[in-house]
Structures are given as structure tokens and as C-alpha cells.
N, C-alpha and C. Protein backbone atom coordinates (compact mmCIF):
# COMPACT_ATOMS: atom_id res chain seq x y z
N UNK A 1 -0.45 28.24 11.00
CA UNK A 1 -0.32 26.89 11.68
C UNK A 1 -0.37 25.87 10.53
N UNK A 2 0.52 25.06 10.36
CA UNK A 2 0.67 23.82 9.50
C UNK A 2 0.11 22.43 9.97
N UNK A 3 -0.76 21.92 9.11
CA UNK A 3 -1.15 20.64 9.76
C UNK A 3 -1.22 19.69 8.64
N UNK A 4 -0.75 18.46 9.27
CA UNK A 4 -0.72 17.20 8.31
C UNK A 4 -1.71 16.15 8.62
N UNK A 5 -2.82 15.92 7.77
CA UNK A 5 -3.73 15.10 7.95
C UNK A 5 -3.54 13.52 7.39
N UNK A 6 -3.31 12.57 8.13
CA UNK A 6 -3.29 11.19 7.50
C UNK A 6 -4.54 10.41 7.66
N UNK A 7 -5.24 10.29 6.69
CA UNK A 7 -6.27 9.44 6.69
C UNK A 7 -6.37 9.04 5.24
N UNK A 8 -6.78 7.50 5.19
CA UNK A 8 -7.01 6.87 4.11
C UNK A 8 -8.34 6.95 3.31
N UNK A 9 -9.23 7.31 4.08
CA UNK A 9 -10.47 7.57 3.54
C UNK A 9 -10.74 8.97 2.77
N UNK A 10 -10.78 8.99 1.42
CA UNK A 10 -10.49 10.35 0.83
C UNK A 10 -11.68 11.27 1.19
N UNK A 11 -12.83 10.78 1.28
CA UNK A 11 -13.88 11.74 1.77
C UNK A 11 -13.70 12.36 2.87
N UNK A 12 -13.38 11.43 4.00
CA UNK A 12 -13.08 12.01 5.35
C UNK A 12 -11.78 13.00 5.31
N UNK A 13 -10.59 12.43 4.68
CA UNK A 13 -9.51 13.52 4.50
C UNK A 13 -10.13 14.98 4.00
N UNK A 14 -10.81 14.87 3.12
CA UNK A 14 -11.18 16.03 2.33
C UNK A 14 -12.02 17.06 3.35
N UNK A 15 -13.01 16.18 4.10
CA UNK A 15 -13.86 16.97 4.84
C UNK A 15 -13.07 17.65 5.92
N UNK A 16 -12.10 16.84 6.57
CA UNK A 16 -11.39 17.32 7.65
C UNK A 16 -10.43 18.63 7.05
N UNK A 17 -9.75 18.18 6.03
CA UNK A 17 -8.94 19.38 5.35
C UNK A 17 -9.71 20.69 5.14
N UNK A 18 -10.91 20.56 4.51
CA UNK A 18 -11.73 21.75 4.08
C UNK A 18 -12.04 22.37 5.45
N UNK A 19 -12.52 21.61 6.79
CA UNK A 19 -12.81 22.40 7.85
C UNK A 19 -11.51 23.10 8.44
N UNK A 20 -10.24 22.49 8.30
CA UNK A 20 -9.34 23.03 8.93
C UNK A 20 -8.67 24.26 7.91
N UNK A 21 -8.77 24.15 6.77
CA UNK A 21 -8.65 25.27 5.89
C UNK A 21 -9.47 26.47 6.00
N UNK A 22 -10.77 26.10 6.36
CA UNK A 22 -11.76 27.22 6.66
C UNK A 22 -11.37 27.73 7.95
N UNK A 23 -10.64 27.24 8.84
CA UNK A 23 -10.18 27.76 10.18
C UNK A 23 -8.86 28.63 9.76
N UNK A 24 -8.34 28.80 8.68
CA UNK A 24 -7.41 29.47 8.38
C UNK A 24 -5.95 28.58 8.40
N UNK A 25 -5.96 27.45 8.50
CA UNK A 25 -4.74 26.70 8.50
C UNK A 25 -4.45 26.13 7.29
N UNK A 26 -2.96 25.86 7.16
CA UNK A 26 -2.42 25.19 6.09
C UNK A 26 -2.48 23.95 6.25
N UNK A 27 -2.95 23.18 5.38
CA UNK A 27 -3.18 21.71 5.41
C UNK A 27 -2.51 20.96 4.25
N UNK A 28 -1.76 19.79 4.55
CA UNK A 28 -1.38 18.75 3.59
C UNK A 28 -2.25 17.34 3.90
N UNK A 29 -2.33 16.75 2.77
CA UNK A 29 -2.98 15.33 3.16
C UNK A 29 -2.34 14.02 2.72
N UNK A 30 -2.31 13.10 3.60
CA UNK A 30 -1.51 11.97 3.27
C UNK A 30 -2.69 10.67 3.29
N UNK A 31 -2.53 9.88 2.40
CA UNK A 31 -3.64 8.61 2.31
C UNK A 31 -2.81 7.48 3.01
N UNK A 32 -1.59 7.59 3.42
CA UNK A 32 -0.82 6.27 3.93
C UNK A 32 0.32 6.76 5.02
N UNK A 33 0.78 5.76 5.73
CA UNK A 33 1.94 6.08 6.46
C UNK A 33 3.31 6.45 5.64
N UNK A 34 3.51 5.68 4.57
CA UNK A 34 4.54 6.19 3.64
C UNK A 34 4.61 7.34 2.92
N UNK A 35 3.31 7.83 2.73
CA UNK A 35 3.43 9.26 1.99
C UNK A 35 3.56 10.40 3.33
N UNK A 36 2.93 9.99 4.53
CA UNK A 36 3.10 10.84 5.55
C UNK A 36 4.58 10.87 5.99
N UNK A 37 5.29 9.61 6.04
CA UNK A 37 6.64 9.83 6.37
C UNK A 37 7.56 10.73 5.52
N UNK A 38 7.27 10.45 4.09
CA UNK A 38 7.71 11.36 3.21
C UNK A 38 7.50 13.05 3.34
N UNK A 39 6.36 13.33 3.79
CA UNK A 39 5.93 14.75 4.06
C UNK A 39 6.55 15.16 5.26
N UNK A 40 6.53 14.44 6.23
CA UNK A 40 7.25 14.79 7.62
C UNK A 40 8.49 14.97 7.52
N UNK A 41 9.16 14.21 6.66
CA UNK A 41 10.71 14.29 6.50
C UNK A 41 10.98 15.85 5.61
N UNK A 42 10.12 16.18 4.88
CA UNK A 42 10.42 17.35 4.02
C UNK A 42 9.89 18.68 4.70
N UNK A 43 8.86 18.53 5.36
CA UNK A 43 7.93 19.67 5.87
C UNK A 43 7.82 19.79 7.08
N UNK A 44 7.96 21.03 7.95
CA UNK A 44 7.81 21.06 9.24
C UNK A 44 6.32 21.20 9.61
N UNK A 45 5.71 20.52 10.54
CA UNK A 45 4.41 20.63 10.87
C UNK A 45 4.12 21.09 12.27
N UNK A 46 3.01 21.84 12.50
CA UNK A 46 2.98 22.08 14.05
C UNK A 46 1.97 21.18 14.69
N UNK A 47 1.22 20.65 13.65
CA UNK A 47 0.21 19.49 14.28
C UNK A 47 0.10 18.51 13.14
N UNK A 48 -0.11 17.10 13.62
CA UNK A 48 -0.79 16.06 12.84
C UNK A 48 -1.81 15.25 13.22
N UNK A 49 -2.76 15.01 12.31
CA UNK A 49 -3.88 14.21 12.78
C UNK A 49 -3.76 13.20 12.01
N UNK A 50 -3.87 11.84 12.78
CA UNK A 50 -3.66 10.62 12.22
C UNK A 50 -4.88 9.75 12.51
N UNK A 51 -5.09 9.00 11.41
CA UNK A 51 -6.12 7.93 11.31
C UNK A 51 -5.44 6.78 12.25
N UNK A 52 -6.19 5.97 12.82
CA UNK A 52 -5.38 5.08 13.85
C UNK A 52 -5.09 3.75 13.00
N UNK A 53 -5.90 3.45 12.21
CA UNK A 53 -6.02 2.33 11.30
C UNK A 53 -5.59 2.57 9.93
N UNK A 54 -4.54 2.20 9.47
CA UNK A 54 -4.29 2.76 7.97
C UNK A 54 -3.95 1.51 7.17
N UNK A 55 -3.93 1.18 6.16
CA UNK A 55 -3.67 0.19 5.26
C UNK A 55 -2.39 -0.40 5.41
N UNK A 56 -1.37 0.51 5.57
CA UNK A 56 0.08 0.23 5.70
C UNK A 56 0.57 0.21 6.83
N UNK A 57 -0.07 0.26 7.87
CA UNK A 57 0.13 0.19 9.46
C UNK A 57 -0.79 1.21 10.33
N UNK A 58 -0.56 0.89 11.48
CA UNK A 58 -1.41 1.61 12.46
C UNK A 58 -0.43 2.82 12.97
N UNK A 59 -1.05 4.09 12.97
CA UNK A 59 -0.37 5.16 13.69
C UNK A 59 -0.15 5.22 15.06
């Protein structure tokens, strides 16, 4: 399963990504909606975990 984590807090994104990878998932991380849009356009994800309040807009 491939997961996109969208979180601007680098420490929190790292912790979430580490936990998901530990569960055997493939994880990409984006620190903004702009980067998330780019990744979503290029890659297919089974799931996405979004921070509700990001610097460049709300998810």
C-alpha cells in the first residue's frame, strides 16, 4: 500500500512516516499542498493523510 503524508511539521511528518513504514507501507511525504498536488499528479496513492491546516492552504 502506498501512502502520502501531507504535514508541514517535519518532526511529525517523520514520526508518521516512520510508523507507517514500520507497518510495511510505502510512504511519500509532502510539506505543502503544492508539493502534495505534484506528487498526486505523478504517483498513485492508496491513501493520503493530510494536516488540516497548512501554510499554503487548508486540506
